[in-house]
Amino acid sequence: MGERYLVTGANGCIGAWVVKLLRQEGAEVVAFDLREDDHRHRLINGGSMPEVEWVYGDLTVPDDVVRASEGATRIIHLAALQVPFCRANPIQGAAVNVTGTVNVFEAARQHGVVQISQASSIAVFGTTADYSERILPADAQRLPATLYGVYKVATEDLAKVYWNENKIRSVGLRPHTVFGPGRDQGMTSLPSVGIDKAVRREKFHIQYGGTLDFQYAPDVAAAFIHAARFEVDGAPTYNLAGHSVSVQHFVDATTAATGFDGITCGTDLLPVVEGADAGPWHRDARGPGPTPLAEAIAETASIFAAAI
């Protein structure tokens, strides 16, 4: 039997790109999410929907996850509630992000899934002020400052327990500031919105500044696919890295790519670190590297323009 991938959170930004890249390879894909929502898929696929098996269900309901996982050989687990939603409803945030991840690992155990790749986050770390280094070393202490970060720490650690007790192989990845087509939700989505506004010739202000590690959504999706495949005994978690530059630099690159100078940014810092070392990801896992920033912004602008 060939490989069959279950993608949770398939309607999110990274999820939609994972589905697109897997289908470009001809892989068999089961797309799992809470409800139907096709706008990101249509945006990045020229108005079309990918030909995959769609399964709608609740990540917090074990039977729904077991049903979706049947026949899967590998799972790419991306479904989660982001920082604002966890802050607004901590109980639901814990149910989706922590209990939902337990349900994924339990379903993998029941069905004999070969390997899981799962989304952690840079939010497991604290803020720049908490560390002496601008770019954190790979083994930096986790100091989550949000409930979302606390929940992601829990998912990293439960993966280790499932390896120790059940020999379930998994790889966790920590994205930072994901940008690109489909990135329209969450506190770090504004730079992507800015590209869309620039294409539309509409003025837009990104409310914060400082330095962030910008990571192109298709690159992050490719990393999660690679994490589900490379041979590993254990449950390691790796940092991802893209381009650690100022928000102003990103705005300038957007202006250069679109010819529109109506995008601006503020100076307030977000409560995150500037970046983290991805050396072990590239050295040990031979993970794919980032697309050049200018090229990624230009590609994003092109996709947004085609969708107008």
Protein backbone atom coordinates (compact mmCIF):
# COMPACT_ATOMS: atom_id res chain seq x y z
CA MET A 1 0.00 0.00 0.00
CA GLY A 2 1.25 3.50 -0.83
CA GLU A 3 1.64 6.40 1.55
CA ARG A 4 -1.53 8.08 2.81
CA TYR A 5 -1.23 11.41 4.64
CA LEU A 6 -3.71 12.76 7.17
CA VAL A 7 -3.41 16.56 7.44
CA THR A 8 -5.14 18.10 10.46
CA GLY A 9 -5.97 21.79 10.27
CA ALA A 10 -6.03 21.34 6.50
CA ASN A 11 -7.97 24.56 5.93
CA GLY A 12 -5.41 26.76 7.70
CA CYS A 13 -2.64 28.60 5.90
CA ILE A 14 0.10 26.01 6.39
CA GLY A 15 -2.41 23.19 6.04
CA ALA A 16 -3.62 24.43 2.66
CA TRP A 17 -0.03 24.64 1.40
CA VAL A 18 0.76 21.15 2.74
CA VAL A 19 -2.25 19.77 0.87
CA LYS A 20 -1.21 21.59 -2.31
CA LEU A 21 2.40 20.35 -2.20
CA LEU A 22 1.41 16.76 -1.40
CA ARG A 23 -1.07 16.70 -4.27
CA GLN A 24 1.55 18.11 -6.64
CA GLU A 25 3.55 14.97 -5.81
CA GLY A 26 0.52 12.78 -6.43
CA ALA A 27 0.30 11.73 -2.78
CA GLU A 28 -2.94 10.42 -1.30
CA VAL A 29 -4.26 13.00 1.18
CA VAL A 30 -7.01 13.08 3.78
CA ALA A 31 -7.78 16.69 4.73
CA PHE A 32 -9.26 17.00 8.23
CA ASP A 33 -10.76 20.14 9.72
CA LEU A 34 -13.67 21.28 11.84
CA ARG A 35 -15.80 22.58 9.00
CA GLU A 36 -15.75 23.40 5.30
CA ASP A 37 -13.72 26.52 4.44
CA ASP A 38 -12.26 26.66 0.97
CA HIS A 39 -11.02 30.25 0.62
CA ARG A 40 -7.31 29.56 1.25
CA HIS A 41 -7.29 26.51 -1.00
CA ARG A 42 -8.89 28.45 -3.85
CA LEU A 43 -6.52 31.37 -3.37
CA ILE A 44 -3.37 29.29 -3.74
CA ASN A 45 -4.75 26.93 -6.39
CA GLY A 46 -5.95 29.47 -8.92
CA GLY A 47 -9.60 29.23 -7.87
CA SER A 48 -9.75 25.43 -7.86
CA MET A 49 -10.02 22.93 -5.01
CA PRO A 50 -7.47 20.13 -4.60
CA GLU A 51 -8.68 16.60 -5.21
CA VAL A 52 -8.38 15.03 -1.78
CA GLU A 53 -10.61 13.19 0.67
CA TRP A 54 -12.27 15.72 2.97
CA VAL A 55 -13.18 14.66 6.50
CA TYR A 56 -14.87 17.12 8.84
CA GLY A 57 -14.80 16.53 12.55
CA ASP A 58 -13.77 17.81 15.96
CA LEU A 59 -10.16 17.33 17.03
CA THR A 60 -11.31 17.15 20.67
CA VAL A 61 -13.55 14.13 19.94
CA PRO A 62 -11.40 10.96 19.93
CA ASP A 63 -13.71 9.01 17.62
CA ASP A 64 -13.57 11.78 14.99
CA VAL A 65 -9.77 11.67 14.95
CA VAL A 66 -9.66 7.87 14.88
CA ARG A 67 -12.09 7.85 11.96
CA ALA A 68 -10.06 10.40 10.01
CA SER A 69 -6.80 8.52 10.70
CA GLU A 70 -7.96 5.16 9.40
CA GLY A 71 -5.59 4.00 6.67
CA ALA A 72 -3.13 6.86 7.23
CA THR A 73 0.56 5.99 7.15
CA ARG A 74 1.76 9.45 8.20
CA ILE A 75 0.09 12.36 9.99
CA ILE A 76 0.89 16.06 9.62
CA HIS A 77 -0.75 17.63 12.66
CA LEU A 78 -1.26 21.38 12.26
CA ALA A 79 -4.66 22.03 13.83
CA ALA A 80 -4.53 24.46 16.77
CA LEU A 81 -6.09 27.58 18.23
CA GLN A 82 -3.74 30.57 18.08
CA VAL A 83 -2.74 33.06 20.77
CA PRO A 84 -5.82 35.36 20.75
CA PHE A 85 -8.26 32.44 20.80
CA CYS A 86 -6.45 30.68 23.64
CA ARG A 87 -6.44 33.93 25.62
CA ALA A 88 -10.16 34.47 25.02
CA ASN A 89 -11.13 30.89 25.86
CA PRO A 90 -8.39 29.05 27.79
CA ILE A 91 -10.47 25.91 28.31
CA GLN A 92 -11.20 25.50 24.62
CA GLY A 93 -7.59 26.36 23.80
CA ALA A 94 -6.35 23.57 26.06
CA ALA A 95 -8.92 21.16 24.67
CA VAL A 96 -7.94 21.75 21.05
CA ASN A 97 -4.19 22.24 21.42
CA VAL A 98 -3.39 19.70 24.12
CA THR A 99 -6.22 17.16 24.27
CA GLY A 100 -6.55 17.30 20.49
CA THR A 101 -2.86 16.44 20.14
CA VAL A 102 -3.28 13.53 22.57
CA ASN A 103 -6.13 12.32 20.37
CA VAL A 104 -3.85 12.44 17.32
CA PHE A 105 -1.17 10.37 19.05
CA GLU A 106 -3.75 7.90 20.33
CA ALA A 107 -5.19 7.51 16.84
CA ALA A 108 -1.67 6.99 15.49
CA ARG A 109 -1.07 4.29 18.09
CA GLN A 110 -4.34 2.55 17.25
CA HIS A 111 -3.74 2.58 13.48
CA GLY A 112 0.02 1.96 13.48
CA VAL A 113 0.92 5.28 11.83
CA VAL A 114 4.59 5.35 10.79
CA GLN A 115 5.39 8.93 11.84
CA ILE A 116 3.82 12.22 12.93
CA SER A 117 5.02 15.73 12.22
CA GLN A 118 3.39 18.29 14.45
CA ALA A 119 3.35 22.05 14.79
CA SER A 120 4.90 23.56 17.87
CA SER A 121 5.70 27.28 17.88
CA ILE A 122 8.30 29.92 18.65
CA ALA A 123 5.85 30.84 21.44
CA VAL A 124 7.42 28.12 23.63
CA PHE A 125 10.17 30.70 24.20
CA GLY A 126 9.77 34.01 25.99
CA THR A 127 10.52 37.49 24.68
CA THR A 128 13.77 39.03 23.50
CA ALA A 129 14.24 40.57 26.95
CA ASP A 130 14.35 37.10 28.53
CA TYR A 131 17.56 36.07 26.74
CA SER A 132 21.04 37.42 26.21
CA GLU A 133 21.17 36.25 22.58
CA ARG A 134 19.29 37.92 19.72
CA ILE A 135 18.97 34.62 17.85
CA LEU A 136 18.31 31.86 20.37
CA PRO A 137 20.51 28.77 20.42
CA ALA A 138 18.79 25.52 19.56
CA ASP A 139 18.75 24.40 23.21
CA ALA A 140 17.47 27.69 24.67
CA GLN A 141 15.27 27.42 27.73
CA ARG A 142 11.56 27.40 27.02
CA LEU A 143 9.88 30.31 28.82
CA PRO A 144 6.36 30.59 27.39
CA ALA A 145 4.62 33.89 28.10
CA THR A 146 1.18 32.93 26.78
CA LEU A 147 -1.27 30.08 27.32
CA TYR A 148 -0.74 29.15 23.68
CA GLY A 149 2.99 28.79 24.38
CA VAL A 150 2.32 26.70 27.47
CA TYR A 151 0.06 24.38 25.47
CA LYS A 152 2.74 23.99 22.78
CA VAL A 153 5.34 23.10 25.43
CA ALA A 154 2.93 20.38 26.57
CA THR A 155 2.61 18.98 23.05
CA GLU A 156 6.39 18.84 22.64
CA ASP A 157 6.72 16.92 25.88
CA LEU A 158 3.82 14.54 25.36
CA ALA A 159 5.41 13.52 22.05
CA LYS A 160 8.47 12.37 24.01
CA VAL A 161 6.30 10.31 26.33
CA TYR A 162 4.54 8.63 23.42
CA TRP A 163 7.94 7.71 22.00
CA ASN A 164 9.23 6.39 25.32
CA GLU A 165 6.10 4.40 26.12
CA ASN A 166 4.70 3.50 22.69
CA LYS A 167 7.59 4.03 20.23
CA ILE A 168 5.56 6.49 18.17
CA ARG A 169 7.97 8.44 16.02
CA SER A 170 7.33 12.16 15.69
CA VAL A 171 9.03 15.42 14.77
CA GLY A 172 7.94 18.81 16.06
CA LEU A 173 8.70 22.08 14.28
CA ARG A 174 8.61 25.63 15.68
CA PRO A 175 7.67 28.20 13.02
CA HIS A 176 8.06 31.90 13.77
CA THR A 177 6.37 34.57 11.58
CA VAL A 178 4.75 32.70 8.70
CA PHE A 179 3.78 34.87 5.74
CA GLY A 180 2.38 34.40 2.28
CA PRO A 181 -0.93 33.72 0.54
CA GLY A 182 -3.45 32.31 3.00
CA ARG A 183 -1.85 33.92 6.05
CA ASP A 184 -4.82 36.00 7.12
CA GLN A 185 -5.29 35.15 10.80
CA GLY A 186 -3.29 35.67 13.98
CA MET A 187 -1.18 38.50 15.37
CA THR A 188 1.67 38.02 12.88
CA SER A 189 -0.55 37.93 9.80
CA LEU A 190 -0.40 41.71 9.19
CA PRO A 191 2.73 41.66 6.96
CA SER A 192 0.92 39.24 4.63
CA VAL A 193 -2.18 41.42 4.69
CA GLY A 194 0.13 44.31 3.82
CA ILE A 195 1.26 42.58 0.62
CA ASP A 196 -2.35 42.02 -0.40
CA LYS A 197 -3.20 45.66 0.30
CA ALA A 198 -0.18 46.81 -1.71
CA VAL A 199 -1.32 44.77 -4.69
CA ARG A 200 -4.75 46.39 -4.35
CA ARG A 201 -3.18 49.86 -4.00
CA GLU A 202 -4.80 50.35 -0.58
CA LYS A 203 -2.91 52.04 2.25
CA PHE A 204 -2.31 49.80 5.27
CA HIS A 205 -0.49 50.12 8.59
CA ILE A 206 1.22 47.20 10.33
CA GLN A 207 0.82 48.09 13.99
CA TYR A 208 4.17 46.81 15.20
CA GLY A 209 7.84 46.89 14.33
CA GLY A 210 11.05 45.32 15.55
CA THR A 211 12.70 42.23 14.10
CA LEU A 212 10.87 39.01 13.29
CA ASP A 213 11.91 35.78 11.56
CA PHE A 214 9.84 35.80 8.37
CA GLN A 215 9.14 32.31 6.99
CA TYR A 216 7.39 31.74 3.66
CA ALA A 217 4.29 29.55 3.99
CA PRO A 218 5.21 27.10 1.17
CA ASP A 219 8.67 26.66 2.76
CA VAL A 220 7.08 25.91 6.14
CA ALA A 221 4.68 23.46 4.52
CA ALA A 222 7.58 21.69 2.80
CA ALA A 223 9.34 21.46 6.16
CA PHE A 224 6.35 19.72 7.76
CA ILE A 225 6.16 17.25 4.89
CA HIS A 226 9.88 16.53 5.27
CA ALA A 227 9.44 16.15 9.04
CA ALA A 228 6.82 13.45 8.46
CA ARG A 229 9.24 11.48 6.26
CA PHE A 230 12.83 11.60 7.41
CA GLU A 231 14.03 8.61 9.42
CA VAL A 232 14.09 9.32 13.15
CA ASP A 233 14.00 7.25 16.31
CA GLY A 234 12.53 9.50 18.95
CA ALA A 235 10.47 12.69 19.17
CA PRO A 236 12.78 15.66 18.53
CA THR A 237 11.57 19.23 18.10
CA TYR A 238 13.42 21.66 15.83
CA ASN A 239 13.40 25.40 15.30
CA LEU A 240 12.69 26.71 11.82
CA ALA A 241 14.40 29.79 10.44
CA GLY A 242 13.71 32.03 7.48
CA HIS A 243 14.84 35.65 7.33
CA SER A 244 15.34 37.50 10.61
CA VAL A 245 14.83 41.10 9.49
CA SER A 246 13.00 44.19 10.68
CA VAL A 247 9.35 44.72 9.85
CA GLN A 248 10.47 47.92 8.11
CA HIS A 249 12.79 45.85 5.89
CA PHE A 250 9.84 43.61 5.02
CA VAL A 251 7.74 46.68 4.19
CA ASP A 252 10.52 48.05 1.97
CA ALA A 253 10.75 44.72 0.16
CA THR A 254 6.98 44.79 -0.34
CA THR A 255 7.25 48.26 -1.85
CA ALA A 256 10.02 47.07 -4.17
CA ALA A 257 7.99 44.06 -5.28
CA THR A 258 4.70 45.90 -5.87
CA GLY A 259 5.70 49.47 -6.66
CA PHE A 260 3.27 50.72 -4.00
CA ASP A 261 4.58 52.78 -1.07
CA GLY A 262 1.41 53.02 1.00
CA ILE A 263 2.32 50.26 3.49
CA THR A 264 3.76 51.44 6.81
CA CYS A 265 4.65 49.90 10.15
CA GLY A 266 4.90 50.91 13.79
CA THR A 267 7.69 50.57 16.31
CA ASP A 268 6.12 48.53 19.13
CA LEU A 269 7.72 45.13 19.67
CA LEU A 270 5.72 41.92 19.71
CA PRO A 271 6.22 39.67 22.77
CA VAL A 272 8.38 37.15 20.90
CA VAL A 273 12.07 36.50 20.30
CA GLU A 274 13.69 37.74 17.10
CA GLY A 275 14.61 34.29 15.87
CA ALA A 276 16.01 30.89 16.81
CA ASP A 277 18.85 28.72 15.53
CA ALA A 278 17.71 26.13 13.00
CA GLY A 279 21.15 24.54 12.65
CA PRO A 280 20.11 21.10 13.97
CA TRP A 281 17.15 21.03 11.57
CA HIS A 282 19.41 21.50 8.57
CA ARG A 283 22.31 19.42 9.94
CA ASP A 284 20.53 16.43 11.49
CA ALA A 285 17.30 16.33 9.53
CA ARG A 286 18.63 17.84 6.30
CA GLY A 287 15.56 20.05 6.29
CA PRO A 288 14.87 22.34 3.32
CA GLY A 289 16.05 25.94 3.46
CA PRO A 290 14.13 29.18 2.88
CA THR A 291 13.18 30.89 -0.37
CA PRO A 292 14.96 34.27 -0.75
CA LEU A 293 12.78 36.93 0.89
CA ALA A 294 12.39 39.19 -2.15
CA GLU A 295 11.40 36.21 -4.29
CA ALA A 296 8.88 35.00 -1.71
CA ILE A 297 7.25 38.44 -1.43
CA ALA A 298 7.08 38.75 -5.22
CA GLU A 299 5.45 35.31 -5.52
CA THR A 300 2.95 36.25 -2.82
CA ALA A 301 2.08 39.48 -4.61
CA SER A 302 1.62 37.56 -7.86
CA ILE A 303 -0.83 35.11 -6.28
CA PHE A 304 -2.79 37.93 -4.67
CA ALA A 305 -2.90 39.80 -7.98
CA ALA A 306 -4.20 36.74 -9.82
CA ALA A 307 -7.00 36.37 -7.27
CA ILE A 308 -8.35 39.91 -7.72
